[in-house]
Every structure is written in C-alpha cells, then in structure tokens.
Protein backbone atom coordinates (compact mmCIF):
# COMPACT_ATOMS: atom_id res chain seq x y z
CA MET A 1 -6.51 15.71 22.07
CA LYS A 2 -2.80 16.39 21.70
CA LEU A 3 -0.47 14.57 19.37
CA TYR A 4 3.31 14.74 19.13
CA ASN A 5 5.77 14.34 16.27
CA LEU A 6 7.66 11.05 16.63
CA LYS A 7 10.80 12.66 15.20
CA GLU A 8 10.56 15.95 17.10
CA HIS A 9 8.66 15.41 20.35
CA ALA A 10 8.57 19.15 21.06
CA GLU A 11 6.16 19.62 18.14
CA GLN A 12 2.72 19.03 19.64
CA VAL A 13 -0.52 19.70 17.78
CA SER A 14 -4.28 19.33 18.17
CA PHE A 15 -6.25 16.68 16.29
CA GLY A 16 -7.43 19.34 13.85
CA GLN A 17 -3.88 20.47 13.15
CA ALA A 18 -2.70 16.88 12.68
CA VAL A 19 -5.51 16.17 10.22
CA ARG A 20 -4.77 19.36 8.25
CA GLN A 21 -0.99 18.90 8.23
CA GLY A 22 -0.73 15.15 7.72
CA LEU A 23 2.97 15.08 8.62
CA GLY A 24 5.01 16.98 11.19
CA ARG A 25 8.43 18.56 10.79
CA ASN A 26 11.18 16.40 9.30
CA GLN A 27 8.49 14.07 7.89
CA GLY A 28 7.57 12.97 11.40
CA LEU A 29 4.40 11.00 12.09
CA PHE A 30 1.93 12.26 14.67
CA PHE A 31 1.05 10.03 17.62
CA PRO A 32 -1.37 10.53 20.55
CA LEU A 33 0.24 12.14 23.59
CA GLU A 34 -2.10 10.10 25.82
CA LEU A 35 -3.69 6.75 25.04
CA PRO A 36 -7.20 6.56 26.51
CA GLN A 37 -8.46 3.52 28.38
CA LEU A 38 -12.00 2.34 27.68
CA GLY A 39 -13.95 0.94 30.61
CA ASP A 40 -16.27 -2.10 30.54
CA ILE A 41 -15.19 -3.64 27.25
CA ASP A 42 -17.92 -6.30 27.49
CA ALA A 43 -20.61 -3.60 27.50
CA LEU A 44 -18.86 -1.83 24.63
CA LEU A 45 -18.89 -5.03 22.58
CA GLU A 46 -22.67 -5.29 23.06
CA MET A 47 -23.24 -1.93 21.34
CA ASP A 48 -24.03 -1.52 17.64
CA PHE A 49 -21.19 -0.64 15.24
CA ILE A 50 -21.99 3.08 14.91
CA SER A 51 -22.59 3.69 18.63
CA ARG A 52 -19.49 1.78 19.64
CA SER A 53 -17.30 3.46 17.02
CA SER A 54 -18.55 6.88 18.11
CA LYS A 55 -17.60 6.09 21.70
CA ILE A 56 -14.14 4.84 20.70
CA LEU A 57 -13.35 7.87 18.54
CA SER A 58 -14.83 10.30 21.07
CA ALA A 59 -12.32 8.94 23.59
CA PHE A 60 -9.61 10.34 21.33
CA ILE A 61 -11.16 13.50 19.86
CA GLY A 62 -14.44 14.17 21.70
CA ASP A 63 -12.91 16.89 23.87
CA GLU A 64 -11.91 18.80 20.73
CA LEU A 65 -14.89 18.31 18.41
CA GLY A 66 -17.61 17.24 20.84
CA ALA A 67 -19.20 13.79 21.13
CA GLU A 68 -22.23 14.77 19.05
CA THR A 69 -20.07 15.95 16.13
CA VAL A 70 -17.96 12.81 16.29
CA SER A 71 -21.10 10.68 16.27
CA GLN A 72 -22.38 12.48 13.16
CA MET A 73 -19.01 12.00 11.44
CA VAL A 74 -19.04 8.27 12.20
CA ASP A 75 -22.65 7.87 11.09
CA THR A 76 -21.88 9.53 7.75
CA ALA A 77 -18.61 7.67 7.18
CA PHE A 78 -19.53 4.12 8.23
CA GLN A 79 -22.61 3.46 6.11
CA PHE A 80 -21.67 -0.16 5.39
CA PRO A 81 -20.97 -3.26 7.50
CA ALA A 82 -17.78 -5.09 8.48
CA PRO A 83 -19.06 -8.66 8.89
CA ILE A 84 -17.12 -11.72 9.96
CA ASN A 85 -17.55 -14.94 8.00
CA LYS A 86 -16.72 -18.35 9.40
CA VAL A 87 -14.28 -20.12 7.07
CA LYS A 88 -13.80 -23.21 9.22
CA ASP A 89 -13.98 -24.15 12.89
CA GLY A 90 -12.14 -21.54 14.93
CA VAL A 91 -11.16 -19.36 11.95
CA TYR A 92 -13.08 -16.29 10.76
CA ALA A 93 -12.63 -13.78 7.95
CA LEU A 94 -13.20 -10.11 8.76
CA GLU A 95 -14.64 -8.79 5.49
CA LEU A 96 -13.70 -5.15 5.03
CA PHE A 97 -14.77 -4.84 1.40
CA HIS A 98 -18.45 -3.92 1.69
CA GLY A 99 -17.94 -0.17 1.22
CA PRO A 100 -18.33 1.87 -1.98
CA THR A 101 -14.86 1.03 -3.37
CA LEU A 102 -14.87 -2.57 -2.09
CA ALA A 103 -11.79 -2.24 0.13
CA PHE A 104 -10.92 -1.60 3.78
CA LYS A 105 -9.61 1.86 2.90
CA ASP A 106 -13.23 3.07 2.68
CA PHE A 107 -13.42 3.28 6.47
CA GLY A 108 -10.36 5.49 6.85
CA GLY A 109 -10.88 7.50 3.67
CA ARG A 110 -14.46 8.47 4.45
CA PHE A 111 -13.75 9.27 8.09
CA MET A 112 -10.82 11.43 7.07
CA ALA A 113 -13.07 13.36 4.67
CA GLN A 114 -15.49 14.00 7.53
CA SER A 115 -12.64 14.97 9.86
CA LEU A 116 -11.13 17.40 7.38
CA ALA A 117 -14.50 19.02 6.75
CA ALA A 118 -15.00 19.40 10.52
CA VAL A 119 -11.65 21.10 11.20
CA THR A 120 -11.24 23.30 8.09
CA ASP A 121 -12.61 26.75 7.38
CA SER A 122 -14.98 26.79 4.42
CA ASP A 123 -12.73 29.20 2.49
CA GLY A 124 -9.49 27.30 3.18
CA LYS A 125 -7.58 25.86 0.22
CA ILE A 126 -6.76 22.16 0.53
CA THR A 127 -4.87 19.87 -1.84
CA ILE A 128 -4.79 16.22 -0.86
CA LEU A 129 -1.64 14.49 -2.11
CA THR A 130 -1.43 10.77 -1.53
CA ALA A 131 0.36 7.70 -2.84
CA THR A 132 -1.41 4.41 -3.38
CA SER A 133 -0.40 0.81 -3.94
CA GLY A 134 -3.93 0.04 -5.07
CA ASP A 135 -6.86 0.60 -2.73
CA THR A 136 -6.08 3.87 -0.93
CA GLY A 137 -6.48 5.75 -4.21
CA ALA A 138 -10.04 4.61 -4.80
CA ALA A 139 -11.15 5.12 -1.19
CA VAL A 140 -9.69 8.63 -1.02
CA ALA A 141 -10.92 9.64 -4.48
CA HIS A 142 -14.49 8.55 -3.79
CA ALA A 143 -14.50 10.00 -0.26
CA PHE A 144 -13.46 13.48 -1.49
CA TYR A 145 -15.07 13.42 -4.95
CA GLY A 146 -16.99 16.62 -5.63
CA MET A 147 -16.13 18.25 -2.28
CA ASP A 148 -15.86 22.04 -2.52
CA ASN A 149 -12.42 23.64 -2.10
CA ILE A 150 -10.60 20.30 -1.98
CA LYS A 151 -8.34 19.12 -4.81
CA VAL A 152 -7.02 15.56 -4.78
CA VAL A 153 -3.84 14.36 -6.49
CA ILE A 154 -3.09 10.62 -6.30
CA LEU A 155 0.24 9.06 -7.30
CA TYR A 156 0.45 5.37 -8.14
CA PRO A 157 3.10 3.10 -9.73
CA LYS A 158 2.33 2.68 -13.42
CA GLY A 159 1.56 -0.94 -14.34
CA LYS A 160 1.92 -2.15 -10.76
CA ILE A 161 -1.69 -2.08 -9.55
CA SER A 162 -4.49 -4.23 -10.90
CA PRO A 163 -6.41 -2.85 -13.91
CA LEU A 164 -9.67 -2.84 -11.93
CA GLN A 165 -8.05 -1.04 -9.00
CA GLU A 166 -6.86 1.58 -11.48
CA LYS A 167 -10.29 1.97 -13.06
CA MET A 168 -11.92 2.56 -9.65
CA PHE A 169 -10.17 5.89 -9.07
CA CYS A 170 -8.65 7.00 -12.39
CA THR A 171 -11.98 7.53 -14.15
CA LEU A 172 -13.57 10.22 -11.97
CA GLY A 173 -12.21 13.59 -13.10
CA LYS A 174 -13.58 16.82 -11.54
CA ASN A 175 -11.49 17.54 -8.44
CA ILE A 176 -9.62 14.21 -8.67
CA THR A 177 -6.29 14.09 -10.58
CA THR A 178 -4.44 10.78 -10.88
CA VAL A 179 -0.80 10.37 -11.89
CA ALA A 180 0.78 7.11 -13.08
CA VAL A 181 4.42 7.35 -11.98
CA ASN A 182 7.15 5.42 -13.77
CA GLY A 183 8.45 3.77 -10.61
CA THR A 184 7.44 1.78 -7.52
CA PHE A 185 5.02 2.56 -4.71
CA ASP A 186 8.00 3.43 -2.52
CA ASP A 187 9.00 6.01 -5.16
CA CYS A 188 5.49 7.48 -5.04
CA GLN A 189 5.61 7.60 -1.26
CA ALA A 190 9.01 9.33 -1.39
CA LEU A 191 7.60 11.96 -3.77
CA VAL A 192 4.77 12.67 -1.32
CA LYS A 193 7.31 13.14 1.49
CA GLN A 194 9.39 15.47 -0.70
CA ALA A 195 6.32 17.60 -1.33
CA PHE A 196 5.67 17.88 2.41
CA ASP A 197 9.29 18.93 2.95
CA ASP A 198 8.80 21.86 0.54
CA ALA A 199 7.44 24.51 2.92
CA GLU A 200 6.70 26.98 0.12
CA LEU A 201 4.73 24.40 -1.88
CA ARG A 202 2.81 23.23 1.20
CA GLN A 203 1.69 26.77 1.89
CA GLU A 204 0.95 27.58 -1.76
CA VAL A 205 -1.41 24.68 -2.42
CA GLY A 206 -2.59 23.88 1.14
CA LEU A 207 -0.98 20.44 1.06
CA ASN A 208 -2.40 17.53 3.02
CA SER A 209 -2.07 13.75 2.80
CA ALA A 210 -4.67 10.99 2.96
CA ASN A 211 -2.22 8.11 3.34
CA SER A 212 -2.35 6.16 6.58
CA ILE A 213 0.22 8.66 7.79
CA ASN A 214 -2.85 10.86 8.47
CA ILE A 215 -3.97 10.13 12.01
CA SER A 216 -7.70 10.40 11.23
CA ARG A 217 -7.53 7.46 8.81
CA LEU A 218 -5.66 5.36 11.31
CA MET A 219 -8.15 6.06 14.11
CA ALA A 220 -11.10 5.03 11.96
CA GLN A 221 -9.50 1.63 11.40
CA ILE A 222 -9.42 0.90 15.14
CA CYS A 223 -13.19 0.57 15.07
CA TYR A 224 -13.52 -2.52 12.90
CA TYR A 225 -11.28 -4.57 15.18
CA PHE A 226 -13.80 -4.03 17.96
CA GLU A 227 -16.59 -4.88 15.51
CA ALA A 228 -14.89 -8.15 14.59
CA VAL A 229 -14.46 -9.33 18.17
CA ALA A 230 -18.02 -8.23 19.00
CA GLN A 231 -19.37 -10.63 16.36
CA LEU A 232 -17.47 -13.65 17.69
CA PRO A 233 -19.34 -16.08 19.92
CA LYS A 234 -18.57 -15.07 23.51
CA ALA A 235 -16.91 -18.40 24.17
CA GLU A 236 -14.35 -17.64 21.42
CA ARG A 237 -13.35 -14.12 22.51
CA LYS A 238 -10.71 -14.98 25.11
CA GLU A 239 -7.89 -16.36 22.95
CA VAL A 240 -8.17 -14.27 19.79
CA VAL A 241 -5.27 -14.15 17.31
CA ILE A 242 -5.55 -11.66 14.43
CA SER A 243 -3.56 -11.99 11.21
CA VAL A 244 -3.15 -8.73 9.29
CA PRO A 245 -2.02 -8.53 5.64
CA SER A 246 0.62 -5.83 5.87
CA GLY A 247 2.19 -3.41 3.40
CA ASN A 248 2.44 0.10 4.83
CA PHE A 249 1.48 -1.28 8.28
CA GLY A 250 -1.35 1.14 9.02
CA ASN A 251 -3.80 -1.71 9.54
CA LEU A 252 -1.59 -3.45 12.08
CA THR A 253 -0.96 -0.13 13.85
CA ALA A 254 -4.73 0.35 14.20
CA GLY A 255 -5.13 -3.16 15.56
CA LEU A 256 -2.45 -2.60 18.19
CA LEU A 257 -4.10 0.70 19.14
CA ALA A 258 -7.37 -1.22 19.59
CA LYS A 259 -5.55 -3.59 21.92
CA SER A 260 -4.10 -0.64 23.84
CA LEU A 261 -7.67 0.60 24.43
CA GLY A 262 -8.57 -2.70 26.04
CA LEU A 263 -9.73 -4.94 23.17
CA PRO A 264 -8.98 -8.52 24.25
CA VAL A 265 -6.55 -9.78 21.58
CA LYS A 266 -3.99 -12.41 22.53
CA ARG A 267 -1.57 -11.52 19.75
CA PHE A 268 -1.28 -10.09 16.25
CA ILE A 269 0.47 -11.54 13.22
CA ALA A 270 2.15 -9.33 10.61
CA ALA A 271 1.64 -11.15 7.31
CA THR A 272 3.60 -9.91 4.27
CA ASN A 273 4.48 -11.05 0.78
CA VAL A 274 8.13 -11.33 -0.30
CA ASN A 275 8.57 -7.62 0.43
CA ASP A 276 9.45 -8.76 3.92
CA THR A 277 11.36 -5.91 5.57
CA VAL A 278 9.44 -6.25 8.83
CA PRO A 279 9.50 -10.08 9.16
CA ARG A 280 13.28 -10.02 8.56
CA TYR A 281 13.66 -7.21 11.09
CA LEU A 282 11.64 -9.09 13.71
CA GLN A 283 13.74 -12.19 13.10
CA THR A 284 17.21 -10.59 12.97
CA GLY A 285 16.92 -7.09 14.46
CA ASP A 286 18.35 -5.68 11.22
CA TRP A 287 16.26 -3.06 9.36
CA SER A 288 17.38 -3.56 5.76
CA PRO A 289 14.78 -2.71 3.10
CA LYS A 290 15.40 -4.29 -0.30
CA VAL A 291 14.27 -3.18 -3.73
CA THR A 292 10.49 -3.64 -3.95
CA VAL A 293 9.44 -6.76 -5.85
CA PRO A 294 6.13 -6.79 -7.80
CA THR A 295 3.77 -9.54 -6.63
CA ILE A 296 0.17 -10.67 -7.14
CA SER A 297 -0.62 -9.08 -3.75
CA ASN A 298 0.38 -5.67 -5.08
CA ALA A 299 -1.19 -3.54 -2.32
CA MET A 300 1.50 -4.99 -0.04
CA ASP A 301 4.41 -4.29 -2.38
CA VAL A 302 6.05 -1.93 0.10
CA SER A 303 9.65 -2.20 1.29
CA GLN A 304 9.77 0.87 3.54
CA PRO A 305 6.51 0.84 5.52
CA ASN A 306 5.61 4.32 6.74
CA ASN A 307 3.72 3.29 9.86
CA TRP A 308 6.35 1.10 11.46
CA PRO A 309 7.67 3.92 13.74
CA ARG A 310 4.17 4.18 15.28
CA ILE A 311 4.20 0.47 16.08
CA GLU A 312 7.59 0.71 17.77
CA GLU A 313 6.46 3.78 19.75
CA LEU A 314 3.24 2.09 20.89
CA CYS A 315 5.00 -1.11 21.93
CA GLN A 316 7.56 0.89 23.89
CA LEU A 317 4.86 2.93 25.65
CA LYS A 318 2.84 -0.18 26.55
CA GLY A 319 5.84 -2.28 27.51
CA TRP A 320 5.08 -4.80 24.76
CA GLY A 321 8.03 -6.60 23.27
CA LEU A 322 8.21 -6.71 19.47
CA SER A 323 8.96 -10.40 19.95
CA GLU A 324 5.29 -10.79 20.94
CA LEU A 325 4.28 -10.10 17.33
CA GLY A 326 3.82 -13.07 15.05
CA TYR A 327 5.13 -12.66 11.52
CA GLY A 328 5.61 -14.41 8.23
CA ALA A 329 6.21 -13.84 4.52
CA VAL A 330 4.53 -15.67 1.63
CA THR A 331 5.60 -16.17 -1.99
CA ASP A 332 3.29 -15.79 -4.99
CA GLU A 333 3.33 -19.56 -5.46
CA GLN A 334 2.25 -20.12 -1.87
CA THR A 335 -0.42 -17.42 -2.22
CA ALA A 336 -1.88 -19.17 -5.27
CA GLU A 337 -1.80 -22.51 -3.46
CA THR A 338 -3.65 -20.98 -0.51
CA LEU A 339 -6.30 -19.39 -2.73
CA LYS A 340 -7.01 -22.85 -4.17
CA GLN A 341 -7.18 -24.35 -0.68
CA MET A 342 -9.61 -21.68 0.49
CA ASP A 343 -11.77 -22.16 -2.60
CA ALA A 344 -11.90 -25.89 -1.87
CA GLU A 345 -13.02 -25.02 1.68
CA GLY A 346 -15.84 -22.94 0.19
CA TYR A 347 -14.44 -19.44 0.68
CA LEU A 348 -13.57 -17.17 -2.25
CA CYS A 349 -10.71 -14.86 -1.36
CA GLU A 350 -8.02 -12.71 -3.03
CA PRO A 351 -4.21 -12.64 -2.61
CA HIS A 352 -3.89 -10.31 0.40
CA GLY A 353 -6.47 -12.13 2.50
CA ALA A 354 -4.98 -15.46 1.43
CA ILE A 355 -1.56 -14.44 2.77
CA ALA A 356 -3.06 -13.54 6.15
CA TYR A 357 -5.04 -16.80 6.19
CA ARG A 358 -2.02 -18.95 5.39
CA ILE A 359 0.22 -17.53 8.11
CA LEU A 360 -2.65 -17.60 10.62
CA ASN A 361 -3.16 -21.31 9.98
CA GLU A 362 0.57 -21.97 10.37
CA GLN A 363 0.76 -20.17 13.72
CA LEU A 364 -2.65 -20.77 15.36
CA ASN A 365 -2.48 -22.95 18.46
CA GLU A 366 -5.08 -25.30 19.89
CA GLY A 367 -7.77 -23.45 21.81
CA GLU A 368 -7.17 -20.15 20.02
CA THR A 369 -9.66 -18.37 17.75
CA GLY A 370 -8.25 -17.00 14.51
CA LEU A 371 -9.34 -13.86 12.66
CA PHE A 372 -7.78 -12.76 9.39
CA LEU A 373 -8.48 -9.56 7.50
CA CYS A 374 -9.92 -9.63 3.99
CA THR A 375 -8.99 -6.18 2.79
CA ALA A 376 -10.53 -6.14 -0.71
CA HIS A 377 -13.24 -7.83 -2.76
CA PRO A 378 -11.86 -10.73 -4.85
CA ALA A 379 -13.17 -9.10 -8.02
CA LYS A 380 -10.71 -6.22 -7.59
CA PHE A 381 -8.05 -8.79 -8.49
CA LYS A 382 -10.18 -10.56 -11.08
CA GLU A 383 -7.39 -11.31 -13.56
CA VAL A 384 -5.21 -13.00 -10.95
CA VAL A 385 -7.99 -14.84 -9.10
CA ASP A 386 -9.71 -16.00 -12.31
CA GLU A 387 -6.45 -17.46 -13.61
CA ILE A 388 -5.51 -19.22 -10.37
CA LEU A 389 -8.97 -20.65 -9.67
CA ALA A 390 -10.09 -21.13 -13.29
CA LYS A 391 -13.17 -19.02 -12.54
CA ASP A 392 -14.94 -16.05 -14.05
CA ILE A 393 -15.75 -13.84 -11.06
CA PRO A 394 -18.66 -11.50 -11.81
CA LEU A 395 -17.97 -7.82 -11.26
CA PRO A 396 -19.98 -6.12 -8.49
CA GLY A 397 -21.87 -3.00 -9.57
CA PRO A 398 -19.23 -0.37 -8.68
CA LEU A 399 -16.46 -2.25 -10.50
CA ALA A 400 -18.60 -2.92 -13.57
CA LYS A 401 -19.51 0.76 -13.77
CA HIS A 402 -15.94 2.07 -13.58
CA ASN A 403 -14.50 -0.70 -15.74
CA ALA A 404 -16.51 0.67 -18.66
CA MET A 405 -15.16 4.21 -18.17
CA GLU A 406 -12.12 5.87 -19.76
CA LEU A 407 -8.87 6.24 -17.83
CA LEU A 408 -8.05 9.89 -17.18
CA SER A 409 -4.57 9.51 -15.63
CA LEU A 410 -1.54 11.60 -16.40
CA GLU A 411 1.80 9.79 -16.78
CA ARG A 412 4.94 11.24 -15.21
CA ASP A 413 8.49 10.12 -14.51
CA ASN A 414 9.72 9.60 -10.96
CA ASP A 415 10.66 13.28 -10.69
CA PHE A 416 9.67 15.74 -7.97
CA GLU A 417 9.60 18.76 -10.27
CA ALA A 418 7.08 16.98 -12.49
CA VAL A 419 4.85 16.25 -9.49
CA LYS A 420 5.20 19.81 -8.24
CA ALA A 421 4.04 21.07 -11.64
CA VAL A 422 0.94 18.85 -11.45
CA LEU A 423 0.11 20.13 -7.96
CA ARG A 424 0.29 23.72 -9.17
CA SER A 425 -1.68 23.03 -12.33
CA VAL A 426 -4.76 21.70 -10.53
CA GLN A 427 -5.30 24.85 -8.46
C-alpha cells in the first residue's frame, strides 16, 4: 500500500512508514494512493465483524503485512461489539462505547497499537505524542499502556474535558505521561504539529502521533460503518443516512472512505456544536475558523479540524460534490432539549450523540433509514447528563475504578519549549 502527502504529493510512503511517521513533510496528512473496491458487498455484510473487518483492512494493507497478520491484528484490537440500537421507527443508534474506555476511539487506538507493533523493530525508540479533546487520550493511553519501548505523552486542554474523561487516562502512570495545557484543544493540536516540524526532536525521541491524523486509526474506523449497515434489516439498507458527531472530522472521513469502498450509504451528515467551521464553510464557501467555544459536547470543541483536507481530497477523487453532505450546528440549549426528548423516548444518550440525533431527525426524509453515532457512554459525561435529566447515572466498572484513582497529570502553559522539555524528560 502506498500513501501520499496531501501537501507534497511527491512524498510517497508505505503503510508502515505512514504509521511510524504520523505526518508527512510540512505537516501534510497521508492519504491512500489507490482506493480499493470491494466486490459483492451483500456477501461482505453477511460476514461476522472480525472476518469482515479483516477483509476490509487487508484490501488496504494486506499486500504489505499479509492477510493473516492483518487478521490477527483485527482480532486482538476489536474484542468488543459495535451494536445498533433502535431508538424509534427508522432511526438507529450505532453504539461505539462498548470498548475498554467506553468510547469510539477504542477501535482506532487499539488497531494503531497493533499496527505500530507490526511495523516497528523491537529495539526502535517510539514516543507517541497526541492531543485529545476528551476520548482519544483514554483510548490511546489504554491501548499502549505497558508496551515495551513506547512512551506516550498526551496533551489536553486543562479544565475543558469532563472530570471522568480526565480520570480515564490521567491516572495510569508507567509509560503514560499526561499534560494539562493552559489553552484550548486547538492549542494542543498546534503544539503537536510544532513538535512534528522539529526534525531534530522527531529523530531524538522517535516521535509519532496517535491522533486521527495517523492513517491506521482512521482505517480501523471504516469497519464499524460496515458493521452498522450489516445489522440493519435488509429492507432498510437501501436509503441509509448517517449522522456523524464531528469535531476533528476523522469519524466522517472514515465513513466516507467506507462509502468509497462500496458501502451503500445515501448520504452523510456532519453534525457539530457551535464550533461550526465546517457547516459555515459548506453553506458559504468561506473557511473562517473562529475562537473555540467551550460546550457541553467538549470532544467536538474544535475550530480547525485536522481531517478536513482528507474529506476534500476524497470527494474530489470520487467526483462527489461537497454539497452532497448534510450539515448542521447545535447549541448547548438545543443539545439539552434533545437529551430530554431522547430520554422521554426511552433512550439514554450523551451530548455528542444527541447532536447527531437532532440533526438527523431534522434532515431525514420519508422512506430513509437513519443511523446516528453514539461515540461515548453517557456516564463519561455524568455531571452534564445527570443535571439535564435529573438522574444519577451509575458508573460502569472502568469509570468507577479510575474515578477513585489519583490524577497524575503535569500542568504546562501553551508553550512549545515546555512541551519539548516534557518529551525529553520521559525518555
């Protein structure tokens, strides 16, 4: 498999190189040079989750790693389900929170860990540097926890993720170092990019990233879109509309890649909170990020989504107009209102899923089947959900365990030299 740098097309790398590097020159994202086509989608949808996912990922990387290796990687990474749950007639929730850290990032984080192990020499030095707006941190930390020769440094915006999200990845220690940055998620993401631009630092610490900028994470996410459609009644598979809660836009990128492989999806909807750079761009054609606003759907508090260039590249390659994408932005007040509505309908959700559900309901036409992504367990946002719904959501086992543990985070200003010092200190 060959991938090219979206900013410098002459830079072409193997899957292994892309996984190890994370980013290309000039902070360019890697993208597949060729998009495979999967034959007989109906037969593919009849397969079990592991077998189907192995086939999908082998279509991308099987020639490099071998189908058997890819199958072992998938089997190790995807040890939990991605069920759909009927919320009402014609509308289903894709629940992506049944993994060890109760969020969709478990799929990508665990597959990336397997990918990195498969393409790295045992004596190679690796330092994972990643930014998180909430759930990436936990998924990456747990996926790499205790792995030999791999150090993990996670940056997150201090006070801008939920306390339970913070507890899930800032209590581990060992090879996991977490840094609360006095700034926004976009600041954290910018610090990661600065680190990758520092060639000397990259070489010195063996820098890599586990954000959705890493192609292995993105590819893993393709698989649960196929799993969702496979669980729909066959009569409801022809007019499927999928609403994706969107922050950094990796999830929507993966969905569109699934469609490019042949998954029958009529259209996608990009659902955001008031950090609405993409909805405004789709409406006006003007890319004008604003200052990031904190919301109760904090994992989507992103004003400069990293993955958007991949979406534009894919749409251009496939001849899809960006106008074919649905979109919408939701305020905190509307999110709370929707959570109450969903609770009254008998479905307990959290803010990100509620945003996707609301916009899906606004844009779903007669005869269409709606799917919306539930990206995290409601208990990860216990404070917000409890207050809105006047409930006391019990904590699942993993959350209860980490909630009782001490925070181990460092605190640093939004300063690259401070981050560089942390990266050097953990070696």
